[in-house]
Amino acid sequence: MKLSVLAILLGLLAALPGVYGVARPGAFGNAARRFPRYTPVGYVFMIGATLWFLLLLKQESIADFAAFKPVLYTLFAAVGLGACLFVKDFLPVRGLAVLYLLLAKLMVDTARWAETDWRLVIVTWAYLLVLLGMWFTISPWRLRDLLNWFTANEKRTRVVSGGQLAFGIFVLVLGLTVYKSAETTAAAQQPQPPQPLIQQPSE
């Protein structure tokens, strides 16, 4: 995936909830406070994260792991399914934490080769997601506490949502301008394959 495409998608993902929070802070706050214990969303997040991880495992090409892949598939699939069945408390937060870690990997891998210093915006965001993913895995109730604080009143909800909206637009603009320009420049600098010589037909 190109960094410009990823930035556009991430910008939209960050901006759209911000729009809802600014426009309808009361409804947004109620939904946010329900999220940490809304188990149906937890099922979707955890199963999606498990499938994503298994896909990454399938793509892993290190020879040392090749013989163990069938065992690892079974093990990690069982962990994901077991979490859905036996660890339902704060399941949405646990699933979100795993998605944060997987998304951070995608962000770093995609931004690594971008020929612009603005790639550090995505890389820094990715490392923040890693920290949050580990923190919410260990202490999932922390997200509940943060959401309760962010949505304590409509004014605070609007301010936080406005900041999220602004950041999402910023990343979206980077994807449409800076990252796309860097990709175009890099593509133009790629050496062109030599053209085959056209031999003149002999008379």
N, C-alpha and C. Protein backbone atom coordinates (compact mmCIF):
# COMPACT_ATOMS: atom_id res chain seq x y z
N MET A 1 0.84 -1.20 0.00
CA MET A 1 0.00 0.00 0.00
C MET A 1 0.88 1.25 0.00
N LYS A 2 0.48 2.25 -0.78
CA LYS A 2 1.21 3.50 -0.80
C LYS A 2 0.91 4.32 0.45
N LEU A 3 1.91 5.11 0.88
CA LEU A 3 1.73 5.93 2.07
C LEU A 3 0.62 6.95 1.87
N SER A 4 0.50 7.50 0.67
CA SER A 4 -0.56 8.48 0.43
C SER A 4 -1.94 7.88 0.63
N VAL A 5 -2.14 6.66 0.15
CA VAL A 5 -3.44 5.99 0.31
C VAL A 5 -3.70 5.70 1.79
N LEU A 6 -2.68 5.19 2.47
CA LEU A 6 -2.84 4.89 3.89
C LEU A 6 -3.15 6.15 4.69
N ALA A 7 -2.47 7.24 4.38
CA ALA A 7 -2.71 8.50 5.10
C ALA A 7 -4.12 9.01 4.87
N ILE A 8 -4.62 8.88 3.65
CA ILE A 8 -5.98 9.31 3.37
C ILE A 8 -6.98 8.48 4.19
N LEU A 9 -6.77 7.17 4.21
CA LEU A 9 -7.68 6.30 4.97
C LEU A 9 -7.60 6.59 6.47
N LEU A 10 -6.38 6.76 6.98
CA LEU A 10 -6.22 7.05 8.40
C LEU A 10 -6.80 8.42 8.75
N GLY A 11 -6.61 9.39 7.86
CA GLY A 11 -7.17 10.71 8.11
C GLY A 11 -8.69 10.68 8.20
N LEU A 12 -9.31 9.94 7.28
CA LEU A 12 -10.76 9.80 7.33
C LEU A 12 -11.20 9.06 8.59
N LEU A 13 -10.45 8.02 8.95
CA LEU A 13 -10.79 7.24 10.15
C LEU A 13 -10.72 8.10 11.40
N ALA A 14 -9.79 9.03 11.44
CA ALA A 14 -9.68 9.92 12.60
C ALA A 14 -10.68 11.06 12.54
N ALA A 15 -10.96 11.56 11.34
CA ALA A 15 -11.78 12.76 11.23
C ALA A 15 -13.27 12.49 11.40
N LEU A 16 -13.76 11.38 10.86
CA LEU A 16 -15.21 11.16 10.86
C LEU A 16 -15.80 11.09 12.28
N PRO A 17 -15.18 10.34 13.23
CA PRO A 17 -15.73 10.40 14.60
C PRO A 17 -15.65 11.80 15.19
N GLY A 18 -14.62 12.55 14.79
CA GLY A 18 -14.51 13.93 15.28
C GLY A 18 -15.66 14.79 14.81
N VAL A 19 -16.07 14.59 13.57
CA VAL A 19 -17.22 15.34 13.05
C VAL A 19 -18.47 15.05 13.87
N TYR A 20 -18.69 13.77 14.17
CA TYR A 20 -19.86 13.38 14.95
C TYR A 20 -19.79 13.95 16.36
N GLY A 21 -18.57 13.93 16.95
CA GLY A 21 -18.42 14.46 18.30
C GLY A 21 -18.66 15.96 18.38
N VAL A 22 -18.24 16.70 17.35
CA VAL A 22 -18.47 18.14 17.33
C VAL A 22 -19.94 18.46 17.08
N ALA A 23 -20.57 17.71 16.17
CA ALA A 23 -21.95 17.99 15.79
C ALA A 23 -22.94 17.54 16.86
N ARG A 24 -22.71 16.37 17.44
CA ARG A 24 -23.65 15.82 18.43
C ARG A 24 -22.86 15.30 19.64
N PRO A 25 -22.35 16.18 20.45
CA PRO A 25 -21.50 15.76 21.57
C PRO A 25 -22.21 14.87 22.58
N GLY A 26 -23.50 15.10 22.81
CA GLY A 26 -24.23 14.28 23.77
C GLY A 26 -24.34 12.84 23.33
N ALA A 27 -24.79 12.64 22.11
CA ALA A 27 -24.93 11.28 21.58
C ALA A 27 -23.57 10.61 21.44
N PHE A 28 -22.57 11.38 21.00
CA PHE A 28 -21.23 10.83 20.88
C PHE A 28 -20.69 10.38 22.24
N GLY A 29 -20.91 11.20 23.26
CA GLY A 29 -20.44 10.86 24.59
C GLY A 29 -21.10 9.59 25.12
N ASN A 30 -22.41 9.45 24.90
CA ASN A 30 -23.10 8.24 25.34
C ASN A 30 -22.55 7.00 24.65
N ALA A 31 -22.33 7.10 23.35
CA ALA A 31 -21.79 5.95 22.60
C ALA A 31 -20.38 5.63 23.05
N ALA A 32 -19.56 6.65 23.28
CA ALA A 32 -18.18 6.42 23.71
C ALA A 32 -18.13 5.75 25.08
N ARG A 33 -18.98 6.16 25.99
CA ARG A 33 -18.97 5.57 27.33
C ARG A 33 -19.47 4.13 27.32
N ARG A 34 -20.31 3.77 26.35
CA ARG A 34 -20.79 2.39 26.23
C ARG A 34 -19.74 1.47 25.61
N PHE A 35 -18.85 2.03 24.82
CA PHE A 35 -17.95 1.22 24.02
C PHE A 35 -17.12 0.21 24.81
N PRO A 36 -16.49 0.55 25.93
CA PRO A 36 -15.58 -0.41 26.57
C PRO A 36 -16.22 -1.73 26.97
N ARG A 37 -17.51 -1.75 27.20
CA ARG A 37 -18.18 -2.99 27.60
C ARG A 37 -19.24 -3.44 26.60
N TYR A 38 -19.20 -2.90 25.37
CA TYR A 38 -20.18 -3.29 24.36
C TYR A 38 -19.63 -4.53 23.64
N THR A 39 -19.96 -5.69 24.17
CA THR A 39 -19.34 -6.95 23.73
C THR A 39 -19.50 -7.24 22.24
N PRO A 40 -20.66 -6.97 21.59
CA PRO A 40 -20.74 -7.27 20.14
C PRO A 40 -19.63 -6.63 19.33
N VAL A 41 -19.27 -5.39 19.63
CA VAL A 41 -18.15 -4.74 18.94
C VAL A 41 -16.84 -5.46 19.29
N GLY A 42 -16.74 -5.93 20.51
CA GLY A 42 -15.55 -6.67 20.92
C GLY A 42 -15.34 -7.93 20.10
N TYR A 43 -16.44 -8.63 19.81
CA TYR A 43 -16.33 -9.82 18.96
C TYR A 43 -15.75 -9.46 17.59
N VAL A 44 -16.28 -8.39 17.00
CA VAL A 44 -15.83 -7.97 15.67
C VAL A 44 -14.35 -7.58 15.71
N PHE A 45 -13.97 -6.79 16.70
CA PHE A 45 -12.58 -6.34 16.80
C PHE A 45 -11.63 -7.51 17.03
N MET A 46 -11.99 -8.40 17.95
CA MET A 46 -11.07 -9.48 18.30
C MET A 46 -10.94 -10.49 17.15
N ILE A 47 -12.06 -10.83 16.53
CA ILE A 47 -11.99 -11.77 15.40
C ILE A 47 -11.25 -11.13 14.22
N GLY A 48 -11.53 -9.87 13.96
CA GLY A 48 -10.81 -9.18 12.89
C GLY A 48 -9.32 -9.11 13.16
N ALA A 49 -8.93 -8.81 14.40
CA ALA A 49 -7.52 -8.75 14.75
C ALA A 49 -6.86 -10.12 14.63
N THR A 50 -7.58 -11.16 15.03
CA THR A 50 -7.03 -12.52 14.92
C THR A 50 -6.80 -12.90 13.46
N LEU A 51 -7.75 -12.62 12.60
CA LEU A 51 -7.60 -12.94 11.18
C LEU A 51 -6.46 -12.14 10.55
N TRP A 52 -6.35 -10.89 10.92
CA TRP A 52 -5.26 -10.05 10.41
C TRP A 52 -3.91 -10.61 10.84
N PHE A 53 -3.81 -11.01 12.11
CA PHE A 53 -2.55 -11.56 12.61
C PHE A 53 -2.21 -12.87 11.90
N LEU A 54 -3.21 -13.71 11.69
CA LEU A 54 -2.96 -14.98 11.00
C LEU A 54 -2.51 -14.73 9.55
N LEU A 55 -3.05 -13.67 8.93
CA LEU A 55 -2.61 -13.33 7.58
C LEU A 55 -1.15 -12.90 7.57
N LEU A 56 -0.75 -12.11 8.56
CA LEU A 56 0.66 -11.71 8.66
C LEU A 56 1.55 -12.92 8.91
N LEU A 57 1.06 -13.83 9.73
CA LEU A 57 1.83 -15.05 10.01
C LEU A 57 1.99 -15.88 8.73
N LYS A 58 0.95 -15.94 7.92
CA LYS A 58 1.03 -16.69 6.68
C LYS A 58 2.06 -16.08 5.73
N GLN A 59 2.17 -14.75 5.75
CA GLN A 59 3.10 -14.05 4.86
C GLN A 59 4.53 -14.08 5.37
N GLU A 60 4.73 -14.50 6.61
CA GLU A 60 6.08 -14.53 7.19
C GLU A 60 6.93 -15.56 6.45
N SER A 61 8.12 -15.13 6.01
CA SER A 61 8.95 -15.99 5.17
C SER A 61 10.20 -16.50 5.87
N ILE A 62 10.35 -16.26 7.17
CA ILE A 62 11.52 -16.74 7.89
C ILE A 62 11.49 -18.27 7.94
N ALA A 63 12.54 -18.90 7.44
CA ALA A 63 12.56 -20.36 7.32
C ALA A 63 12.49 -21.05 8.67
N ASP A 64 13.02 -20.42 9.72
CA ASP A 64 13.03 -21.05 11.04
C ASP A 64 11.62 -21.30 11.57
N PHE A 65 10.64 -20.51 11.09
CA PHE A 65 9.27 -20.66 11.58
C PHE A 65 8.42 -21.55 10.68
N ALA A 66 8.92 -21.91 9.52
CA ALA A 66 8.10 -22.61 8.54
C ALA A 66 7.51 -23.91 9.09
N ALA A 67 8.32 -24.67 9.81
CA ALA A 67 7.86 -25.97 10.32
C ALA A 67 6.81 -25.81 11.42
N PHE A 68 6.81 -24.64 12.08
CA PHE A 68 5.91 -24.43 13.21
C PHE A 68 4.63 -23.70 12.83
N LYS A 69 4.51 -23.29 11.57
CA LYS A 69 3.35 -22.48 11.19
C LYS A 69 2.02 -23.16 11.48
N PRO A 70 1.82 -24.44 11.16
CA PRO A 70 0.52 -25.05 11.49
C PRO A 70 0.19 -24.98 12.98
N VAL A 71 1.19 -25.20 13.81
CA VAL A 71 0.97 -25.12 15.27
C VAL A 71 0.65 -23.68 15.67
N LEU A 72 1.37 -22.72 15.09
CA LEU A 72 1.14 -21.32 15.43
C LEU A 72 -0.24 -20.86 14.96
N TYR A 73 -0.68 -21.31 13.78
CA TYR A 73 -2.03 -20.98 13.33
C TYR A 73 -3.06 -21.43 14.35
N THR A 74 -2.93 -22.67 14.79
CA THR A 74 -3.88 -23.23 15.75
C THR A 74 -3.82 -22.49 17.08
N LEU A 75 -2.61 -22.20 17.53
CA LEU A 75 -2.43 -21.54 18.82
C LEU A 75 -3.05 -20.16 18.83
N PHE A 76 -2.72 -19.34 17.84
CA PHE A 76 -3.20 -17.96 17.85
C PHE A 76 -4.69 -17.88 17.52
N ALA A 77 -5.19 -18.78 16.69
CA ALA A 77 -6.63 -18.81 16.45
C ALA A 77 -7.37 -19.18 17.74
N ALA A 78 -6.80 -20.11 18.50
CA ALA A 78 -7.41 -20.50 19.78
C ALA A 78 -7.38 -19.36 20.78
N VAL A 79 -6.29 -18.59 20.77
CA VAL A 79 -6.20 -17.44 21.69
C VAL A 79 -7.27 -16.41 21.35
N GLY A 80 -7.44 -16.11 20.06
CA GLY A 80 -8.46 -15.14 19.67
C GLY A 80 -9.85 -15.62 20.00
N LEU A 81 -10.15 -16.88 19.69
CA LEU A 81 -11.46 -17.42 19.99
C LEU A 81 -11.68 -17.53 21.49
N GLY A 82 -10.65 -17.94 22.21
CA GLY A 82 -10.76 -18.05 23.66
C GLY A 82 -11.04 -16.72 24.32
N ALA A 83 -10.43 -15.64 23.79
CA ALA A 83 -10.69 -14.31 24.35
C ALA A 83 -12.16 -13.95 24.18
N CYS A 84 -12.73 -14.29 23.01
CA CYS A 84 -14.15 -13.99 22.76
C CYS A 84 -15.07 -14.79 23.69
N LEU A 85 -14.66 -15.99 24.07
CA LEU A 85 -15.52 -16.87 24.87
C LEU A 85 -15.34 -16.67 26.37
N PHE A 86 -14.09 -16.42 26.80
CA PHE A 86 -13.80 -16.48 28.23
C PHE A 86 -13.30 -15.16 28.82
N VAL A 87 -12.99 -14.17 27.99
CA VAL A 87 -12.49 -12.89 28.52
C VAL A 87 -13.36 -11.77 27.97
N LYS A 88 -14.65 -11.84 28.24
CA LYS A 88 -15.59 -10.89 27.65
C LYS A 88 -15.54 -9.52 28.33
N ASP A 89 -14.98 -9.45 29.54
CA ASP A 89 -14.90 -8.17 30.24
C ASP A 89 -13.95 -7.25 29.49
N PHE A 90 -14.43 -6.08 29.08
CA PHE A 90 -13.65 -5.11 28.31
C PHE A 90 -13.14 -5.71 27.01
N LEU A 91 -13.88 -6.62 26.41
CA LEU A 91 -13.44 -7.25 25.17
C LEU A 91 -13.23 -6.24 24.04
N PRO A 92 -14.10 -5.22 23.88
CA PRO A 92 -13.84 -4.24 22.82
C PRO A 92 -12.49 -3.53 22.99
N VAL A 93 -12.11 -3.25 24.22
CA VAL A 93 -10.83 -2.58 24.47
C VAL A 93 -9.67 -3.50 24.14
N ARG A 94 -9.79 -4.76 24.52
CA ARG A 94 -8.72 -5.73 24.23
C ARG A 94 -8.57 -5.92 22.71
N GLY A 95 -9.70 -6.03 22.01
CA GLY A 95 -9.63 -6.16 20.56
C GLY A 95 -9.04 -4.92 19.91
N LEU A 96 -9.43 -3.74 20.40
CA LEU A 96 -8.89 -2.49 19.88
C LEU A 96 -7.39 -2.40 20.11
N ALA A 97 -6.93 -2.87 21.27
CA ALA A 97 -5.51 -2.84 21.58
C ALA A 97 -4.70 -3.67 20.58
N VAL A 98 -5.22 -4.85 20.24
CA VAL A 98 -4.52 -5.69 19.26
C VAL A 98 -4.54 -5.02 17.88
N LEU A 99 -5.66 -4.42 17.52
CA LEU A 99 -5.74 -3.72 16.24
C LEU A 99 -4.76 -2.54 16.19
N TYR A 100 -4.60 -1.85 17.32
CA TYR A 100 -3.62 -0.77 17.39
C TYR A 100 -2.22 -1.29 17.04
N LEU A 101 -1.84 -2.41 17.62
CA LEU A 101 -0.51 -2.97 17.39
C LEU A 101 -0.32 -3.38 15.93
N LEU A 102 -1.34 -4.02 15.36
CA LEU A 102 -1.25 -4.45 13.97
C LEU A 102 -1.24 -3.25 13.02
N LEU A 103 -2.06 -2.26 13.32
CA LEU A 103 -2.10 -1.06 12.48
C LEU A 103 -0.77 -0.32 12.55
N ALA A 104 -0.17 -0.28 13.73
CA ALA A 104 1.12 0.39 13.88
C ALA A 104 2.18 -0.27 13.01
N LYS A 105 2.16 -1.59 12.93
CA LYS A 105 3.11 -2.29 12.05
C LYS A 105 2.91 -1.89 10.59
N LEU A 106 1.65 -1.86 10.17
CA LEU A 106 1.36 -1.46 8.79
C LEU A 106 1.83 -0.03 8.53
N MET A 107 1.62 0.86 9.47
CA MET A 107 2.00 2.26 9.30
C MET A 107 3.51 2.41 9.17
N VAL A 108 4.26 1.74 10.04
CA VAL A 108 5.73 1.85 9.99
C VAL A 108 6.27 1.21 8.72
N ASP A 109 5.76 0.04 8.37
CA ASP A 109 6.23 -0.63 7.16
C ASP A 109 5.95 0.22 5.91
N THR A 110 4.81 0.90 5.89
CA THR A 110 4.45 1.69 4.72
C THR A 110 5.25 2.99 4.65
N ALA A 111 5.48 3.61 5.80
CA ALA A 111 6.17 4.91 5.82
C ALA A 111 7.69 4.78 5.70
N ARG A 112 8.21 3.58 5.87
CA ARG A 112 9.66 3.40 5.96
C ARG A 112 10.40 3.94 4.75
N TRP A 113 9.87 3.73 3.55
CA TRP A 113 10.60 4.06 2.34
C TRP A 113 10.15 5.38 1.71
N ALA A 114 9.29 6.12 2.39
CA ALA A 114 8.82 7.40 1.83
C ALA A 114 9.95 8.43 1.87
N GLU A 115 10.17 9.10 0.73
CA GLU A 115 11.26 10.07 0.62
C GLU A 115 10.80 11.46 1.06
N THR A 116 10.37 11.55 2.31
CA THR A 116 9.99 12.84 2.88
C THR A 116 10.07 12.74 4.40
N ASP A 117 10.52 13.83 5.01
CA ASP A 117 10.58 13.84 6.47
C ASP A 117 9.20 13.85 7.12
N TRP A 118 8.19 14.21 6.35
CA TRP A 118 6.82 14.21 6.89
C TRP A 118 6.33 12.81 7.19
N ARG A 119 7.05 11.79 6.76
CA ARG A 119 6.67 10.41 7.11
C ARG A 119 6.73 10.20 8.62
N LEU A 120 7.50 11.05 9.31
CA LEU A 120 7.63 10.91 10.76
C LEU A 120 6.31 11.17 11.47
N VAL A 121 5.39 11.88 10.83
CA VAL A 121 4.06 12.06 11.43
C VAL A 121 3.39 10.70 11.59
N ILE A 122 3.43 9.89 10.54
CA ILE A 122 2.82 8.57 10.58
C ILE A 122 3.60 7.65 11.52
N VAL A 123 4.92 7.73 11.47
CA VAL A 123 5.75 6.86 12.33
C VAL A 123 5.52 7.19 13.80
N THR A 124 5.49 8.46 14.13
CA THR A 124 5.24 8.86 15.53
C THR A 124 3.87 8.41 15.99
N TRP A 125 2.88 8.57 15.14
CA TRP A 125 1.53 8.11 15.46
C TRP A 125 1.53 6.60 15.68
N ALA A 126 2.28 5.87 14.87
CA ALA A 126 2.36 4.42 15.01
C ALA A 126 2.95 4.02 16.36
N TYR A 127 4.01 4.68 16.78
CA TYR A 127 4.62 4.34 18.06
C TYR A 127 3.69 4.70 19.22
N LEU A 128 2.92 5.76 19.06
CA LEU A 128 1.92 6.09 20.08
C LEU A 128 0.87 4.99 20.17
N LEU A 129 0.46 4.45 19.01
CA LEU A 129 -0.50 3.35 19.02
C LEU A 129 0.09 2.11 19.69
N VAL A 130 1.38 1.87 19.50
CA VAL A 130 2.02 0.73 20.17
C VAL A 130 1.94 0.89 21.69
N LEU A 131 2.27 2.09 22.16
CA LEU A 131 2.22 2.35 23.60
C LEU A 131 0.79 2.19 24.14
N LEU A 132 -0.18 2.74 23.41
CA LEU A 132 -1.57 2.62 23.85
C LEU A 132 -2.03 1.17 23.78
N GLY A 133 -1.61 0.45 22.74
CA GLY A 133 -2.00 -0.96 22.63
C GLY A 133 -1.51 -1.78 23.80
N MET A 134 -0.25 -1.58 24.17
CA MET A 134 0.29 -2.32 25.32
C MET A 134 -0.40 -1.90 26.61
N TRP A 135 -0.64 -0.60 26.77
CA TRP A 135 -1.26 -0.09 28.00
C TRP A 135 -2.68 -0.62 28.15
N PHE A 136 -3.47 -0.57 27.06
CA PHE A 136 -4.84 -1.04 27.14
C PHE A 136 -4.93 -2.56 27.25
N THR A 137 -3.91 -3.27 26.76
CA THR A 137 -3.90 -4.72 26.94
C THR A 137 -3.71 -5.07 28.41
N ILE A 138 -2.81 -4.36 29.05
CA ILE A 138 -2.53 -4.64 30.47
C ILE A 138 -3.64 -4.10 31.37
N SER A 139 -4.12 -2.90 31.04
CA SER A 139 -5.12 -2.23 31.89
C SER A 139 -6.26 -1.70 31.02
N PRO A 140 -7.15 -2.58 30.57
CA PRO A 140 -8.20 -2.13 29.64
C PRO A 140 -9.16 -1.12 30.24
N TRP A 141 -9.28 -1.09 31.56
CA TRP A 141 -10.19 -0.13 32.18
C TRP A 141 -9.68 1.31 32.05
N ARG A 142 -8.41 1.48 31.67
CA ARG A 142 -7.88 2.83 31.49
C ARG A 142 -8.58 3.56 30.36
N LEU A 143 -8.93 2.84 29.31
CA LEU A 143 -9.66 3.48 28.21
C LEU A 143 -11.03 3.93 28.69
N ARG A 144 -11.69 3.11 29.52
CA ARG A 144 -12.97 3.53 30.08
C ARG A 144 -12.81 4.84 30.86
N ASP A 145 -11.76 4.92 31.68
CA ASP A 145 -11.53 6.13 32.47
C ASP A 145 -11.25 7.34 31.57
N LEU A 146 -10.47 7.13 30.51
CA LEU A 146 -10.17 8.23 29.59
C LEU A 146 -11.43 8.70 28.87
N LEU A 147 -12.25 7.76 28.42
CA LEU A 147 -13.48 8.14 27.72
C LEU A 147 -14.45 8.85 28.66
N ASN A 148 -14.51 8.41 29.89
CA ASN A 148 -15.37 9.09 30.86
C ASN A 148 -14.91 10.53 31.09
N TRP A 149 -13.59 10.73 31.11
CA TRP A 149 -13.07 12.08 31.31
C TRP A 149 -13.29 12.94 30.07
N PHE A 150 -13.01 12.38 28.89
CA PHE A 150 -13.17 13.14 27.65
C PHE A 150 -14.61 13.57 27.41
N THR A 151 -15.55 12.76 27.88
CA THR A 151 -16.97 13.03 27.60
C THR A 151 -17.73 13.45 28.85
N ALA A 152 -17.01 14.01 29.82
CA ALA A 152 -17.66 14.40 31.08
C ALA A 152 -18.73 15.46 30.86
N ASN A 153 -18.53 16.33 29.89
CA ASN A 153 -19.54 17.33 29.54
C ASN A 153 -19.43 17.62 28.05
N GLU A 154 -20.45 18.29 27.51
CA GLU A 154 -20.50 18.50 26.06
C GLU A 154 -19.39 19.43 25.58
N LYS A 155 -19.01 20.39 26.39
CA LYS A 155 -17.94 21.31 25.98
C LYS A 155 -16.63 20.56 25.81
N ARG A 156 -16.30 19.72 26.78
CA ARG A 156 -15.05 18.96 26.69
C ARG A 156 -15.09 17.99 25.52
N THR A 157 -16.27 17.38 25.30
CA THR A 157 -16.41 16.46 24.17
C THR A 157 -16.17 17.18 22.86
N ARG A 158 -16.70 18.39 22.72
CA ARG A 158 -16.51 19.16 21.48
C ARG A 158 -15.03 19.52 21.29
N VAL A 159 -14.36 19.89 22.37
CA VAL A 159 -12.95 20.28 22.26
C VAL A 159 -12.09 19.10 21.83
N VAL A 160 -12.29 17.96 22.50
CA VAL A 160 -11.51 16.77 22.17
C VAL A 160 -11.83 16.29 20.75
N SER A 161 -13.11 16.28 20.41
CA SER A 161 -13.50 15.86 19.06
C SER A 161 -12.97 16.82 18.01
N GLY A 162 -12.96 18.10 18.33
CA GLY A 162 -12.42 19.08 17.40
C GLY A 162 -10.93 18.87 17.16
N GLY A 163 -10.20 18.55 18.22
CA GLY A 163 -8.78 18.24 18.05
C GLY A 163 -8.56 17.01 17.20
N GLN A 164 -9.39 15.99 17.42
CA GLN A 164 -9.28 14.77 16.62
C GLN A 164 -9.63 15.07 15.16
N LEU A 165 -10.64 15.87 14.94
CA LEU A 165 -11.03 16.24 13.58
C LEU A 165 -9.90 17.00 12.88
N ALA A 166 -9.28 17.94 13.59
CA ALA A 166 -8.19 18.72 13.01
C ALA A 166 -7.01 17.83 12.65
N PHE A 167 -6.69 16.90 13.53
CA PHE A 167 -5.57 15.99 13.23
C PHE A 167 -5.90 15.10 12.05
N GLY A 168 -7.12 14.60 11.99
CA GLY A 168 -7.51 13.77 10.86
C GLY A 168 -7.41 14.52 9.54
N ILE A 169 -7.85 15.78 9.52
CA ILE A 169 -7.75 16.59 8.31
C ILE A 169 -6.29 16.83 7.95
N PHE A 170 -5.46 17.06 8.95
CA PHE A 170 -4.04 17.26 8.72
C PHE A 170 -3.40 16.05 8.04
N VAL A 171 -3.68 14.87 8.55
CA VAL A 171 -3.13 13.64 7.95
C VAL A 171 -3.71 13.43 6.55
N LEU A 172 -5.00 13.73 6.38
CA LEU A 172 -5.63 13.60 5.08
C LEU A 172 -4.96 14.52 4.05
N VAL A 173 -4.68 15.75 4.44
CA VAL A 173 -4.02 16.70 3.54
C VAL A 173 -2.61 16.23 3.21
N LEU A 174 -1.90 15.69 4.20
CA LEU A 174 -0.57 15.14 3.92
C LEU A 174 -0.65 14.05 2.86
N GLY A 175 -1.65 13.18 2.97
CA GLY A 175 -1.80 12.10 2.01
C GLY A 175 -2.10 12.61 0.61
N LEU A 176 -2.91 13.67 0.52
CA LEU A 176 -3.30 14.20 -0.78
C LEU A 176 -2.22 15.05 -1.43
N THR A 177 -1.31 15.59 -0.63
CA THR A 177 -0.31 16.52 -1.17
C THR A 177 1.12 16.01 -1.01
N VAL A 178 1.64 16.06 0.21
CA VAL A 178 3.06 15.78 0.44
C VAL A 178 3.42 14.35 0.08
N TYR A 179 2.68 13.39 0.60
CA TYR A 179 3.02 11.99 0.35
C TYR A 179 2.83 11.62 -1.12
N LYS A 180 1.77 12.12 -1.71
CA LYS A 180 1.54 11.81 -3.13
C LYS A 180 2.63 12.43 -4.00
N SER A 181 3.05 13.67 -3.64
CA SER A 181 4.12 14.31 -4.39
C SER A 181 5.44 13.54 -4.26
N ALA A 182 5.73 13.07 -3.05
CA ALA A 182 6.96 12.31 -2.83
C ALA A 182 6.95 11.01 -3.62
N GLU A 183 5.80 10.37 -3.70
CA GLU A 183 5.70 9.13 -4.47
C GLU A 183 5.86 9.39 -5.97
N THR A 184 5.30 10.50 -6.44
CA THR A 184 5.44 10.84 -7.86
C THR A 184 6.89 11.13 -8.21
N THR A 185 7.57 11.86 -7.32
CA THR A 185 8.98 12.16 -7.55
C THR A 185 9.83 10.90 -7.54
N ALA A 186 9.57 10.02 -6.58
CA ALA A 186 10.33 8.78 -6.50
C ALA A 186 10.11 7.93 -7.74
N ALA A 187 8.87 7.90 -8.24
CA ALA A 187 8.58 7.11 -9.43
C ALA A 187 9.29 7.69 -10.66
N ALA A 188 9.38 9.02 -10.73
CA ALA A 188 10.04 9.66 -11.87
C ALA A 188 11.55 9.41 -11.87
N GLN A 189 12.10 9.19 -10.67
CA GLN A 189 13.55 8.97 -10.56
C GLN A 189 13.95 7.52 -10.77
N GLN A 190 12.98 6.64 -10.91
CA GLN A 190 13.31 5.24 -11.16
C GLN A 190 13.95 5.09 -12.52
N PRO A 191 15.06 4.33 -12.61
CA PRO A 191 15.70 4.14 -13.92
C PRO A 191 14.77 3.40 -14.88
N GLN A 192 14.72 3.89 -16.08
CA GLN A 192 13.86 3.28 -17.09
C GLN A 192 14.57 2.07 -17.70
N PRO A 193 13.84 1.00 -17.97
CA PRO A 193 14.48 -0.17 -18.58
C PRO A 193 14.95 0.17 -19.98
N PRO A 194 16.08 -0.38 -20.40
CA PRO A 194 16.59 -0.08 -21.73
C PRO A 194 15.64 -0.55 -22.82
N GLN A 195 15.53 0.27 -23.85
CA GLN A 195 14.65 -0.07 -24.96
C GLN A 195 15.37 -1.04 -25.90
N PRO A 196 14.68 -2.06 -26.36
CA PRO A 196 15.34 -3.00 -27.27
C PRO A 196 15.70 -2.33 -28.57
N LEU A 197 16.86 -2.72 -29.09
CA LEU A 197 17.31 -2.16 -30.36
C LEU A 197 16.47 -2.72 -31.49
N ILE A 198 16.06 -1.85 -32.38
CA ILE A 198 15.26 -2.27 -33.53
C ILE A 198 16.21 -2.48 -34.69
N GLN A 199 16.33 -3.67 -35.12
CA GLN A 199 17.22 -3.98 -36.23
C GLN A 199 16.53 -3.69 -37.55
N GLN A 200 17.32 -3.06 -38.47
CA GLN A 200 16.79 -2.78 -39.79
C GLN A 200 16.75 -4.07 -40.61
N PRO A 201 15.66 -4.31 -41.28
CA PRO A 201 15.60 -5.54 -42.11
C PRO A 201 16.62 -5.47 -43.23
N SER A 202 17.32 -6.56 -43.43
CA SER A 202 18.34 -6.63 -44.50
C SER A 202 17.67 -6.76 -45.85
N GLU A 203 18.22 -6.10 -46.84
CA GLU A 203 17.65 -6.14 -48.19
C GLU A 203 18.13 -7.38 -48.94
